[in-house]
């Protein structure tokens, strides 16, 4: 792809680094921005800079937040004794959109995947285990994607907390095996949360 401007080329190259954005799509987006008023492009640039520089991770659940404690964890009307374990922020958003869950979350930051070099120590598992052992938790709900990596992560955490006298459940398999949680429709995901099953029972069914 030939460019008449090095500035344009640089902008396209940076834009094309985004997931799902190829060079042609990046060019179309950059040319669109060029047609907009300068201040509008400035607002976008400033929003990105502010997000990258000022965004925080909740000290309790690792969710993305504007403050040290996210809005969900700081909400006293939520049930803080029920924790839904998810892979990342997109899963929190997906479940919140169902309006069916009133507990809090714990964001692992990924799934155990030896083939990708991701082990338990690289995830926020220790903090979750410590929460359980503190006695402040009544139920853990596993809401990871129904993949081999998700099931492996569930089982690893389950073994870490098995000696604790709490309920350990997993979302019902209204989510197809192999599906990523973030792509499930809200009705199916909501029902999966409401009709969750004991984790040990899910092991027997596999």
N, C-alpha and C. Protein backbone atom coordinates (compact mmCIF):
# COMPACT_ATOMS: atom_id res chain seq x y z
N UNK A 1 0.85 -1.18 0.00
CA UNK A 1 0.00 0.00 0.00
C UNK A 1 0.89 1.24 0.00
N UNK A 2 0.71 2.09 -1.02
CA UNK A 2 1.51 3.30 -1.16
C UNK A 2 0.82 4.48 -0.48
N UNK A 3 1.60 5.30 0.23
CA UNK A 3 1.05 6.47 0.92
C UNK A 3 1.72 7.73 0.40
N UNK A 4 0.93 8.78 0.27
CA UNK A 4 1.47 10.06 -0.18
C UNK A 4 1.97 10.89 1.00
N UNK A 5 1.73 10.39 2.21
CA UNK A 5 2.14 11.11 3.41
C UNK A 5 2.69 10.12 4.44
N UNK A 6 3.86 10.44 4.98
CA UNK A 6 4.43 9.60 6.03
C UNK A 6 3.59 9.67 7.30
N UNK A 7 2.98 10.82 7.56
CA UNK A 7 2.11 10.97 8.73
C UNK A 7 0.88 10.06 8.61
N UNK A 8 0.31 10.03 7.41
CA UNK A 8 -0.83 9.16 7.14
C UNK A 8 -0.43 7.70 7.30
N UNK A 9 0.71 7.36 6.75
CA UNK A 9 1.19 5.98 6.82
C UNK A 9 1.40 5.54 8.27
N UNK A 10 1.97 6.42 9.07
CA UNK A 10 2.21 6.09 10.47
C UNK A 10 0.89 5.88 11.22
N UNK A 11 -0.09 6.75 10.95
CA UNK A 11 -1.39 6.63 11.60
C UNK A 11 -2.07 5.32 11.21
N UNK A 12 -2.00 4.96 9.93
CA UNK A 12 -2.60 3.72 9.45
C UNK A 12 -1.91 2.51 10.07
N UNK A 13 -0.59 2.56 10.15
CA UNK A 13 0.17 1.44 10.73
C UNK A 13 -0.20 1.23 12.21
N UNK A 14 -0.36 2.33 12.94
CA UNK A 14 -0.72 2.22 14.35
C UNK A 14 -2.15 1.71 14.51
N UNK A 15 -3.06 2.21 13.69
CA UNK A 15 -4.46 1.79 13.76
C UNK A 15 -4.61 0.32 13.41
N UNK A 16 -3.80 -0.16 12.50
CA UNK A 16 -3.90 -1.56 12.05
C UNK A 16 -3.38 -2.55 13.09
N UNK A 17 -2.79 -2.03 14.19
CA UNK A 17 -2.34 -2.91 15.27
C UNK A 17 -3.50 -3.40 16.12
N UNK A 18 -4.65 -2.74 15.98
CA UNK A 18 -5.83 -3.13 16.76
C UNK A 18 -6.39 -4.46 16.27
N UNK A 19 -6.96 -5.29 17.16
CA UNK A 19 -7.51 -6.59 16.76
C UNK A 19 -8.61 -6.45 15.71
N UNK A 20 -8.51 -7.23 14.67
CA UNK A 20 -9.54 -7.23 13.63
C UNK A 20 -9.48 -6.07 12.67
N UNK A 21 -8.46 -5.24 12.79
CA UNK A 21 -8.32 -4.07 11.91
C UNK A 21 -7.15 -4.29 10.95
N UNK A 22 -7.47 -4.48 9.67
CA UNK A 22 -6.44 -4.62 8.66
C UNK A 22 -6.02 -3.27 8.12
N UNK A 23 -5.08 -3.27 7.20
CA UNK A 23 -4.57 -2.00 6.65
C UNK A 23 -5.67 -1.21 5.92
N UNK A 24 -6.51 -1.89 5.18
CA UNK A 24 -7.56 -1.18 4.43
C UNK A 24 -8.58 -0.55 5.36
N UNK A 25 -8.99 -1.31 6.39
CA UNK A 25 -9.93 -0.77 7.36
C UNK A 25 -9.29 0.37 8.13
N UNK A 26 -8.03 0.23 8.48
CA UNK A 26 -7.31 1.28 9.20
C UNK A 26 -7.25 2.55 8.36
N UNK A 27 -6.98 2.39 7.07
CA UNK A 27 -6.94 3.55 6.18
C UNK A 27 -8.29 4.24 6.12
N UNK A 28 -9.36 3.46 6.04
CA UNK A 28 -10.70 4.04 5.99
C UNK A 28 -11.02 4.82 7.26
N UNK A 29 -10.61 4.28 8.41
CA UNK A 29 -10.86 4.96 9.68
C UNK A 29 -10.04 6.25 9.80
N UNK A 30 -8.79 6.17 9.38
CA UNK A 30 -7.92 7.35 9.46
C UNK A 30 -8.42 8.45 8.53
N UNK A 31 -8.82 8.09 7.33
CA UNK A 31 -9.35 9.09 6.39
C UNK A 31 -10.65 9.70 6.92
N UNK A 32 -11.44 8.89 7.62
CA UNK A 32 -12.66 9.42 8.24
C UNK A 32 -12.30 10.46 9.30
N UNK A 33 -11.28 10.16 10.11
CA UNK A 33 -10.86 11.11 11.14
C UNK A 33 -10.35 12.41 10.53
N UNK A 34 -9.69 12.30 9.39
CA UNK A 34 -9.18 13.51 8.71
C UNK A 34 -10.31 14.44 8.27
N UNK A 35 -11.47 13.87 8.01
CA UNK A 35 -12.61 14.66 7.55
C UNK A 35 -13.34 15.34 8.70
N UNK A 36 -13.07 14.88 9.93
CA UNK A 36 -13.75 15.43 11.09
C UNK A 36 -13.06 16.71 11.57
N UNK A 37 -13.78 17.55 12.33
CA UNK A 37 -13.14 18.75 12.90
C UNK A 37 -11.95 18.34 13.77
N UNK A 38 -10.92 19.16 13.78
CA UNK A 38 -9.70 18.84 14.53
C UNK A 38 -9.98 18.56 16.01
N UNK A 39 -10.95 19.34 16.58
CA UNK A 39 -11.22 19.17 18.00
C UNK A 39 -11.83 17.79 18.30
N UNK A 40 -12.60 17.26 17.35
CA UNK A 40 -13.20 15.94 17.57
C UNK A 40 -12.12 14.86 17.61
N UNK A 41 -11.16 14.96 16.70
CA UNK A 41 -10.02 14.03 16.73
C UNK A 41 -9.22 14.20 18.00
N UNK A 42 -9.13 15.44 18.46
CA UNK A 42 -8.42 15.72 19.70
C UNK A 42 -9.11 15.08 20.90
N UNK A 43 -10.45 15.11 20.90
CA UNK A 43 -11.21 14.48 21.98
C UNK A 43 -10.93 12.98 22.04
N UNK A 44 -10.88 12.37 20.86
CA UNK A 44 -10.61 10.92 20.78
C UNK A 44 -9.20 10.63 21.29
N UNK A 45 -8.24 11.40 20.82
CA UNK A 45 -6.85 11.19 21.24
C UNK A 45 -6.69 11.37 22.75
N UNK A 46 -7.34 12.40 23.29
CA UNK A 46 -7.23 12.67 24.72
C UNK A 46 -7.90 11.58 25.54
N UNK A 47 -9.05 11.07 25.03
CA UNK A 47 -9.75 10.00 25.73
C UNK A 47 -8.88 8.75 25.82
N UNK A 48 -8.16 8.45 24.75
CA UNK A 48 -7.29 7.27 24.73
C UNK A 48 -6.09 7.46 25.66
N UNK A 49 -5.52 8.66 25.63
CA UNK A 49 -4.37 8.94 26.49
C UNK A 49 -4.78 8.88 27.97
N UNK A 50 -5.95 9.47 28.28
CA UNK A 50 -6.44 9.47 29.66
C UNK A 50 -6.75 8.06 30.13
N UNK A 51 -7.38 7.28 29.25
CA UNK A 51 -7.71 5.90 29.60
C UNK A 51 -6.45 5.11 29.93
N UNK A 52 -5.47 5.24 29.06
CA UNK A 52 -4.23 4.46 29.25
C UNK A 52 -3.45 4.92 30.46
N UNK A 53 -3.48 6.21 30.75
CA UNK A 53 -2.68 6.73 31.84
C UNK A 53 -3.35 6.70 33.20
N UNK A 54 -4.69 6.84 33.22
CA UNK A 54 -5.39 7.02 34.49
C UNK A 54 -6.23 5.84 34.95
N UNK A 55 -6.50 4.88 34.06
CA UNK A 55 -7.36 3.77 34.44
C UNK A 55 -6.68 2.91 35.48
N UNK A 56 -7.48 2.34 36.38
CA UNK A 56 -6.95 1.52 37.46
C UNK A 56 -7.59 0.13 37.44
N UNK A 57 -7.04 -0.75 38.25
CA UNK A 57 -7.62 -2.08 38.44
C UNK A 57 -8.06 -2.20 39.88
N UNK A 58 -9.29 -2.61 40.09
CA UNK A 58 -9.87 -2.72 41.42
C UNK A 58 -8.96 -3.56 42.33
N UNK A 59 -8.67 -3.05 43.50
CA UNK A 59 -7.78 -3.75 44.44
C UNK A 59 -8.43 -5.01 45.00
N UNK A 60 -9.74 -5.12 44.84
CA UNK A 60 -10.45 -6.28 45.38
C UNK A 60 -10.70 -7.36 44.35
N UNK A 61 -11.16 -6.96 43.14
CA UNK A 61 -11.58 -7.98 42.16
C UNK A 61 -10.78 -7.94 40.85
N UNK A 62 -9.92 -6.94 40.67
CA UNK A 62 -9.10 -6.77 39.45
C UNK A 62 -9.89 -6.29 38.24
N UNK A 63 -11.12 -5.83 38.46
CA UNK A 63 -11.92 -5.27 37.39
C UNK A 63 -11.36 -3.89 37.02
N UNK A 64 -11.54 -3.48 35.79
CA UNK A 64 -11.10 -2.15 35.37
C UNK A 64 -11.97 -1.10 36.07
N UNK A 65 -11.32 -0.04 36.56
CA UNK A 65 -12.05 0.94 37.37
C UNK A 65 -11.41 2.32 37.24
N UNK A 66 -12.19 3.34 37.64
CA UNK A 66 -11.66 4.70 37.68
C UNK A 66 -11.04 5.01 39.04
N UNK A 67 -11.34 4.16 40.03
CA UNK A 67 -10.81 4.37 41.38
C UNK A 67 -10.24 3.06 41.91
N UNK A 68 -9.68 3.11 43.12
CA UNK A 68 -9.04 1.92 43.67
C UNK A 68 -10.03 0.76 43.86
N UNK A 69 -11.28 1.10 44.18
CA UNK A 69 -12.32 0.09 44.34
C UNK A 69 -13.39 0.33 43.29
N UNK A 70 -13.70 -0.69 42.50
CA UNK A 70 -14.66 -0.51 41.41
C UNK A 70 -16.08 -0.29 41.94
N UNK A 71 -16.98 0.15 41.07
CA UNK A 71 -18.35 0.47 41.47
C UNK A 71 -19.10 -0.76 41.97
N UNK A 72 -18.77 -1.93 41.44
CA UNK A 72 -19.46 -3.15 41.87
C UNK A 72 -19.04 -3.53 43.28
N UNK A 73 -17.73 -3.53 43.53
CA UNK A 73 -17.23 -3.91 44.85
C UNK A 73 -17.60 -2.89 45.93
N UNK A 74 -17.76 -1.64 45.55
CA UNK A 74 -18.10 -0.60 46.52
C UNK A 74 -19.61 -0.47 46.74
N UNK A 75 -20.38 -1.23 45.98
CA UNK A 75 -21.84 -1.19 46.09
C UNK A 75 -22.30 -2.04 47.27
N UNK A 76 -22.82 -1.42 48.32
CA UNK A 76 -23.22 -2.15 49.53
C UNK A 76 -24.47 -2.99 49.32
N UNK A 77 -25.19 -2.77 48.23
CA UNK A 77 -26.41 -3.56 47.98
C UNK A 77 -26.09 -4.91 47.30
N UNK A 78 -24.84 -5.09 46.88
CA UNK A 78 -24.45 -6.37 46.26
C UNK A 78 -24.14 -7.38 47.36
N UNK A 79 -24.29 -8.67 47.02
CA UNK A 79 -23.97 -9.74 47.96
C UNK A 79 -22.48 -10.06 47.86
N UNK A 80 -21.70 -9.58 48.81
CA UNK A 80 -20.25 -9.74 48.77
C UNK A 80 -19.80 -11.13 49.19
N UNK A 81 -20.74 -11.99 49.55
CA UNK A 81 -20.39 -13.35 49.94
C UNK A 81 -20.49 -14.33 48.77
N UNK A 82 -20.97 -13.84 47.64
CA UNK A 82 -21.07 -14.65 46.43
C UNK A 82 -20.15 -14.06 45.37
N UNK A 83 -19.17 -14.83 44.93
CA UNK A 83 -18.17 -14.34 43.97
C UNK A 83 -18.25 -15.11 42.67
N UNK A 84 -18.40 -14.39 41.58
CA UNK A 84 -18.42 -15.00 40.24
C UNK A 84 -17.02 -14.85 39.63
N UNK A 85 -16.42 -15.97 39.31
CA UNK A 85 -15.05 -15.98 38.79
C UNK A 85 -15.09 -15.93 37.26
N UNK A 86 -14.47 -14.91 36.68
CA UNK A 86 -14.47 -14.73 35.23
C UNK A 86 -13.05 -14.54 34.71
N UNK A 87 -12.93 -14.63 33.39
CA UNK A 87 -11.60 -14.49 32.78
C UNK A 87 -11.16 -13.04 32.69
N UNK A 88 -12.02 -12.17 32.14
CA UNK A 88 -11.62 -10.77 32.00
C UNK A 88 -12.81 -9.82 32.05
N UNK A 89 -12.54 -8.55 31.87
CA UNK A 89 -13.54 -7.49 32.00
C UNK A 89 -14.72 -7.68 31.04
N UNK A 90 -14.48 -8.25 29.87
CA UNK A 90 -15.57 -8.45 28.92
C UNK A 90 -16.63 -9.38 29.47
N UNK A 91 -16.21 -10.36 30.27
CA UNK A 91 -17.15 -11.30 30.87
C UNK A 91 -17.96 -10.62 31.97
N UNK A 92 -17.34 -9.72 32.73
CA UNK A 92 -18.07 -8.95 33.74
C UNK A 92 -19.17 -8.15 33.06
N UNK A 93 -18.83 -7.49 31.97
CA UNK A 93 -19.81 -6.68 31.24
C UNK A 93 -20.94 -7.54 30.70
N UNK A 94 -20.60 -8.72 30.18
CA UNK A 94 -21.61 -9.61 29.61
C UNK A 94 -22.60 -10.06 30.67
N UNK A 95 -22.09 -10.45 31.84
CA UNK A 95 -22.97 -10.92 32.92
C UNK A 95 -23.78 -9.77 33.50
N UNK A 96 -23.16 -8.60 33.66
CA UNK A 96 -23.88 -7.44 34.19
C UNK A 96 -25.05 -7.06 33.28
N UNK A 97 -24.87 -7.24 31.98
CA UNK A 97 -25.94 -6.89 31.03
C UNK A 97 -27.17 -7.77 31.17
N UNK A 98 -27.03 -8.92 31.85
CA UNK A 98 -28.17 -9.82 32.03
C UNK A 98 -29.07 -9.36 33.18
N UNK A 99 -28.52 -8.55 34.09
CA UNK A 99 -29.25 -8.09 35.28
C UNK A 99 -29.74 -9.25 36.14
N UNK A 100 -29.03 -10.36 36.11
CA UNK A 100 -29.44 -11.55 36.86
C UNK A 100 -28.50 -11.91 38.00
N UNK A 101 -27.43 -11.17 38.15
CA UNK A 101 -26.44 -11.50 39.18
C UNK A 101 -26.22 -10.30 40.09
N UNK A 102 -26.33 -10.53 41.40
CA UNK A 102 -26.19 -9.44 42.36
C UNK A 102 -25.03 -9.65 43.33
N UNK A 103 -24.15 -10.58 43.00
CA UNK A 103 -22.96 -10.77 43.81
C UNK A 103 -21.85 -9.88 43.30
N UNK A 104 -20.60 -10.26 43.57
CA UNK A 104 -19.45 -9.53 43.07
C UNK A 104 -18.61 -10.45 42.20
N UNK A 105 -17.52 -9.94 41.67
CA UNK A 105 -16.71 -10.71 40.71
C UNK A 105 -15.27 -10.87 41.19
N UNK A 106 -14.59 -11.79 40.53
CA UNK A 106 -13.14 -11.90 40.66
C UNK A 106 -12.60 -12.16 39.26
N UNK A 107 -11.84 -11.20 38.74
CA UNK A 107 -11.30 -11.29 37.38
C UNK A 107 -9.92 -11.93 37.42
N UNK A 108 -9.79 -13.09 36.79
CA UNK A 108 -8.52 -13.82 36.81
C UNK A 108 -7.46 -13.20 35.92
N UNK A 109 -7.88 -12.57 34.85
CA UNK A 109 -6.91 -12.00 33.90
C UNK A 109 -6.44 -13.01 32.87
N UNK A 110 -7.20 -14.08 32.68
CA UNK A 110 -6.84 -15.10 31.69
C UNK A 110 -7.24 -16.48 32.16
N UNK A 111 -6.76 -17.49 31.45
CA UNK A 111 -7.02 -18.89 31.79
C UNK A 111 -5.70 -19.66 31.75
N UNK A 112 -5.62 -20.72 32.53
CA UNK A 112 -4.43 -21.56 32.50
C UNK A 112 -4.30 -22.20 31.12
N UNK A 113 -3.16 -21.99 30.48
CA UNK A 113 -2.95 -22.52 29.14
C UNK A 113 -1.46 -22.79 28.94
N UNK A 114 -1.02 -24.00 29.30
CA UNK A 114 0.41 -24.33 29.16
C UNK A 114 0.96 -24.11 27.76
N UNK A 115 0.14 -24.37 26.75
CA UNK A 115 0.60 -24.22 25.36
C UNK A 115 0.92 -22.76 25.04
N UNK A 116 0.26 -21.84 25.77
CA UNK A 116 0.52 -20.41 25.58
C UNK A 116 1.45 -19.86 26.64
N UNK A 117 1.95 -20.74 27.50
CA UNK A 117 2.87 -20.32 28.54
C UNK A 117 2.21 -19.60 29.70
N UNK A 118 0.91 -19.83 29.89
CA UNK A 118 0.19 -19.19 30.99
C UNK A 118 -0.06 -20.20 32.09
N UNK A 119 0.57 -19.98 33.24
CA UNK A 119 0.40 -20.86 34.39
C UNK A 119 -0.38 -20.19 35.49
N UNK A 120 -0.73 -20.90 36.55
CA UNK A 120 -1.51 -20.35 37.67
C UNK A 120 -0.90 -19.11 38.29
N UNK A 121 0.44 -19.06 38.35
CA UNK A 121 1.11 -17.93 38.99
C UNK A 121 0.94 -16.63 38.22
N UNK A 122 0.55 -16.72 36.95
CA UNK A 122 0.37 -15.53 36.13
C UNK A 122 -1.05 -15.00 36.18
N UNK A 123 -1.91 -15.68 36.91
CA UNK A 123 -3.31 -15.27 37.04
C UNK A 123 -3.59 -14.84 38.48
N UNK A 124 -4.71 -14.17 38.69
CA UNK A 124 -5.08 -13.68 40.03
C UNK A 124 -5.82 -14.78 40.80
N UNK A 125 -5.16 -15.91 40.97
CA UNK A 125 -5.77 -17.05 41.65
C UNK A 125 -5.49 -17.00 43.16
N UNK A 126 -4.28 -16.66 43.54
CA UNK A 126 -3.90 -16.64 44.96
C UNK A 126 -4.81 -15.73 45.76
N UNK A 127 -5.12 -14.55 45.23
CA UNK A 127 -5.98 -13.60 45.93
C UNK A 127 -7.37 -14.17 46.14
N UNK A 128 -7.86 -14.92 45.15
CA UNK A 128 -9.18 -15.54 45.26
C UNK A 128 -9.18 -16.61 46.36
N UNK A 129 -8.15 -17.44 46.37
CA UNK A 129 -8.04 -18.48 47.39
C UNK A 129 -7.97 -17.87 48.78
N UNK A 130 -7.26 -16.76 48.91
CA UNK A 130 -7.15 -16.08 50.20
C UNK A 130 -8.49 -15.52 50.66
N UNK A 131 -9.30 -15.03 49.71
CA UNK A 131 -10.63 -14.54 50.05
C UNK A 131 -11.47 -15.68 50.63
N UNK A 132 -11.40 -16.83 49.97
CA UNK A 132 -12.17 -17.99 50.43
C UNK A 132 -11.72 -18.42 51.82
N UNK A 133 -10.42 -18.51 52.03
CA UNK A 133 -9.88 -18.97 53.30
C UNK A 133 -10.11 -17.98 54.44
N UNK A 134 -10.42 -16.72 54.09
CA UNK A 134 -10.68 -15.71 55.11
C UNK A 134 -12.04 -15.93 55.78
N UNK A 135 -12.90 -16.75 55.14
CA UNK A 135 -14.21 -17.04 55.69
C UNK A 135 -15.29 -16.07 55.29
N UNK A 136 -14.97 -15.13 54.39
CA UNK A 136 -15.94 -14.10 54.00
C UNK A 136 -16.78 -14.50 52.78
N UNK A 137 -16.56 -15.71 52.27
CA UNK A 137 -17.24 -16.14 51.04
C UNK A 137 -18.14 -17.33 51.31
N UNK A 138 -19.36 -17.29 50.78
CA UNK A 138 -20.30 -18.40 50.91
C UNK A 138 -20.36 -19.25 49.65
N UNK A 139 -20.20 -18.60 48.50
CA UNK A 139 -20.30 -19.33 47.23
C UNK A 139 -19.34 -18.77 46.19
N UNK A 140 -18.72 -19.68 45.46
CA UNK A 140 -17.91 -19.35 44.30
C UNK A 140 -18.62 -19.88 43.07
N UNK A 141 -18.81 -19.02 42.08
CA UNK A 141 -19.44 -19.44 40.82
C UNK A 141 -18.40 -19.36 39.71
N UNK A 142 -18.10 -20.48 39.10
CA UNK A 142 -17.18 -20.49 37.97
C UNK A 142 -17.94 -20.08 36.72
N UNK A 143 -17.49 -19.00 36.07
CA UNK A 143 -18.13 -18.52 34.85
C UNK A 143 -17.09 -18.32 33.76
N UNK A 144 -16.21 -19.30 33.62
CA UNK A 144 -15.22 -19.26 32.54
C UNK A 144 -15.79 -19.92 31.30
N UNK A 145 -15.22 -19.62 30.15
CA UNK A 145 -15.67 -20.20 28.89
C UNK A 145 -15.56 -21.72 28.92
N UNK A 146 -16.48 -22.38 28.23
CA UNK A 146 -16.52 -23.85 28.22
C UNK A 146 -15.50 -24.42 27.25
N UNK A 147 -14.24 -24.16 27.54
CA UNK A 147 -13.14 -24.67 26.72
C UNK A 147 -12.24 -25.52 27.60
N UNK A 148 -11.29 -26.20 27.00
CA UNK A 148 -10.36 -27.02 27.77
C UNK A 148 -9.60 -26.16 28.77
N UNK A 149 -9.16 -24.97 28.33
CA UNK A 149 -8.43 -24.07 29.21
C UNK A 149 -9.31 -23.59 30.36
N UNK A 150 -10.57 -23.27 30.05
CA UNK A 150 -11.50 -22.82 31.08
C UNK A 150 -11.76 -23.91 32.10
N UNK A 151 -11.99 -25.14 31.63
CA UNK A 151 -12.24 -26.26 32.54
C UNK A 151 -11.02 -26.58 33.38
N UNK A 152 -9.84 -26.47 32.78
CA UNK A 152 -8.60 -26.71 33.52
C UNK A 152 -8.44 -25.70 34.65
N UNK A 153 -8.74 -24.44 34.35
CA UNK A 153 -8.63 -23.37 35.34
C UNK A 153 -9.64 -23.58 36.47
N UNK A 154 -10.87 -23.93 36.10
CA UNK A 154 -11.90 -24.22 37.10
C UNK A 154 -11.43 -25.31 38.06
N UNK A 155 -10.93 -26.40 37.49
CA UNK A 155 -10.53 -27.55 38.30
C UNK A 155 -9.35 -27.20 39.20
N UNK A 156 -8.41 -26.43 38.70
CA UNK A 156 -7.25 -26.03 39.50
C UNK A 156 -7.69 -25.22 40.72
N UNK A 157 -8.57 -24.25 40.49
CA UNK A 157 -9.05 -23.42 41.60
C UNK A 157 -9.87 -24.26 42.58
N UNK A 158 -10.68 -25.15 42.03
CA UNK A 158 -11.52 -26.02 42.88
C UNK A 158 -10.65 -26.83 43.83
N UNK A 159 -9.55 -27.35 43.34
CA UNK A 159 -8.65 -28.14 44.19
C UNK A 159 -8.03 -27.28 45.28
N UNK A 160 -7.81 -26.00 44.99
CA UNK A 160 -7.20 -25.09 45.96
C UNK A 160 -8.15 -24.74 47.10
N UNK A 161 -9.46 -24.77 46.81
CA UNK A 161 -10.44 -24.35 47.82
C UNK A 161 -11.34 -25.50 48.29
N UNK A 162 -11.02 -26.71 47.86
CA UNK A 162 -11.88 -27.87 48.15
C UNK A 162 -12.08 -28.10 49.63
N UNK A 163 -11.10 -27.76 50.45
CA UNK A 163 -11.20 -28.01 51.89
C UNK A 163 -12.06 -26.97 52.61
N UNK A 164 -12.43 -25.91 51.91
CA UNK A 164 -13.25 -24.85 52.52
C UNK A 164 -14.72 -25.24 52.47
N UNK A 165 -15.45 -24.88 53.49
CA UNK A 165 -16.85 -25.26 53.58
C UNK A 165 -17.73 -24.21 52.89
N UNK A 166 -17.62 -24.13 51.57
CA UNK A 166 -18.43 -23.19 50.80
C UNK A 166 -19.07 -23.90 49.62
N UNK A 167 -20.05 -23.26 49.03
CA UNK A 167 -20.69 -23.78 47.82
C UNK A 167 -19.82 -23.42 46.63
N UNK A 168 -19.53 -24.39 45.79
CA UNK A 168 -18.77 -24.15 44.55
C UNK A 168 -19.65 -24.59 43.39
N UNK A 169 -20.06 -23.65 42.56
CA UNK A 169 -20.95 -23.97 41.45
C UNK A 169 -20.37 -23.48 40.14
N UNK A 170 -21.00 -23.88 39.06
CA UNK A 170 -20.59 -23.42 37.73
C UNK A 170 -21.83 -23.08 36.94
N UNK A 171 -21.72 -22.14 36.02
CA UNK A 171 -22.89 -21.75 35.23
C UNK A 171 -23.40 -22.95 34.45
N UNK A 172 -24.71 -23.03 34.29
CA UNK A 172 -25.33 -24.13 33.56
C UNK A 172 -24.85 -24.13 32.12
N UNK A 173 -24.83 -25.30 31.49
CA UNK A 173 -24.30 -25.41 30.14
C UNK A 173 -25.29 -25.00 29.06
N UNK A 174 -25.97 -23.87 29.34
CA UNK A 174 -26.75 -23.25 28.27
C UNK A 174 -25.77 -22.63 27.28
N UNK A 175 -24.54 -22.42 27.77
CA UNK A 175 -23.45 -21.95 26.91
C UNK A 175 -22.83 -23.17 26.26
N UNK A 176 -22.80 -23.19 24.94
CA UNK A 176 -22.29 -24.35 24.22
C UNK A 176 -20.82 -24.60 24.55
N UNK A 177 -20.46 -25.87 24.62
CA UNK A 177 -19.07 -26.24 24.89
C UNK A 177 -18.18 -25.66 23.79
N UNK A 178 -17.12 -24.97 24.20
CA UNK A 178 -16.19 -24.36 23.25
C UNK A 178 -16.49 -22.90 22.99
N UNK A 179 -17.65 -22.41 23.47
CA UNK A 179 -18.02 -21.01 23.23
C UNK A 179 -17.34 -20.09 24.22
N UNK A 180 -17.03 -18.88 23.77
CA UNK A 180 -16.51 -17.84 24.65
C UNK A 180 -17.69 -17.12 25.30
N UNK A 181 -17.56 -16.82 26.59
CA UNK A 181 -18.66 -16.25 27.36
C UNK A 181 -19.14 -14.92 26.78
N UNK A 182 -18.23 -14.09 26.33
CA UNK A 182 -18.59 -12.74 25.89
C UNK A 182 -19.50 -12.73 24.67
N UNK A 183 -19.54 -13.85 23.92
CA UNK A 183 -20.36 -13.89 22.71
C UNK A 183 -21.74 -14.49 22.94
N UNK A 184 -22.02 -14.94 24.16
CA UNK A 184 -23.33 -15.53 24.47
C UNK A 184 -24.38 -14.43 24.53
N UNK A 185 -25.61 -14.74 24.08
CA UNK A 185 -26.66 -13.74 24.17
C UNK A 185 -27.08 -13.57 25.63
N UNK A 186 -27.67 -12.43 25.95
CA UNK A 186 -27.95 -12.08 27.34
C UNK A 186 -28.95 -13.02 28.00
N UNK A 187 -29.96 -13.48 27.24
CA UNK A 187 -30.97 -14.37 27.81
C UNK A 187 -30.35 -15.71 28.21
N UNK A 188 -29.56 -16.29 27.29
CA UNK A 188 -28.91 -17.57 27.57
C UNK A 188 -27.94 -17.45 28.73
N UNK A 189 -27.16 -16.38 28.75
CA UNK A 189 -26.18 -16.18 29.81
C UNK A 189 -26.88 -15.96 31.15
N UNK A 190 -27.95 -15.19 31.13
CA UNK A 190 -28.71 -14.94 32.35
C UNK A 190 -29.27 -16.21 32.94
N UNK A 191 -29.82 -17.07 32.09
CA UNK A 191 -30.37 -18.35 32.55
C UNK A 191 -29.26 -19.26 33.07
N UNK A 192 -28.10 -19.18 32.46
CA UNK A 192 -26.97 -20.01 32.91
C UNK A 192 -26.51 -19.62 34.31
N UNK A 193 -26.60 -18.33 34.61
CA UNK A 193 -26.25 -17.85 35.95
C UNK A 193 -27.30 -18.31 36.96
N UNK A 194 -28.58 -18.14 36.60
CA UNK A 194 -29.67 -18.48 37.52
C UNK A 194 -29.75 -19.98 37.79
N UNK A 195 -29.47 -20.79 36.77
CA UNK A 195 -29.59 -22.25 36.91
C UNK A 195 -28.23 -22.92 37.04
N UNK A 196 -27.32 -22.25 37.74
CA UNK A 196 -26.00 -22.82 37.94
C UNK A 196 -26.09 -24.13 38.72
N UNK A 197 -25.09 -24.98 38.53
CA UNK A 197 -25.09 -26.31 39.14
C UNK A 197 -23.84 -26.50 39.99
N UNK A 198 -23.89 -27.42 40.98
CA UNK A 198 -22.69 -27.69 41.77
C UNK A 198 -21.53 -28.09 40.88
N UNK A 199 -20.35 -27.57 41.17
CA UNK A 199 -19.20 -27.83 40.32
C UNK A 199 -18.86 -29.31 40.25
N UNK A 200 -18.95 -30.01 41.37
CA UNK A 200 -18.61 -31.43 41.39
C UNK A 200 -19.53 -32.22 40.47
N UNK A 201 -20.80 -31.80 40.39
CA UNK A 201 -21.75 -32.47 39.50
C UNK A 201 -21.35 -32.27 38.05
N UNK A 202 -20.82 -31.09 37.74
CA UNK A 202 -20.39 -30.83 36.36
C UNK A 202 -19.20 -31.69 35.98
N UNK A 203 -18.36 -32.02 36.96
CA UNK A 203 -17.20 -32.90 36.70
C UNK A 203 -17.66 -34.30 36.33
N UNK A 204 -18.70 -34.78 36.99
CA UNK A 204 -19.21 -36.12 36.72
C UNK A 204 -19.84 -36.23 35.35
N UNK A 205 -20.37 -35.07 34.86
CA UNK A 205 -21.05 -35.08 33.56
C UNK A 205 -20.08 -34.98 32.40
N UNK A 206 -18.81 -34.64 32.68
CA UNK A 206 -17.82 -34.49 31.61
C UNK A 206 -17.21 -35.82 31.22
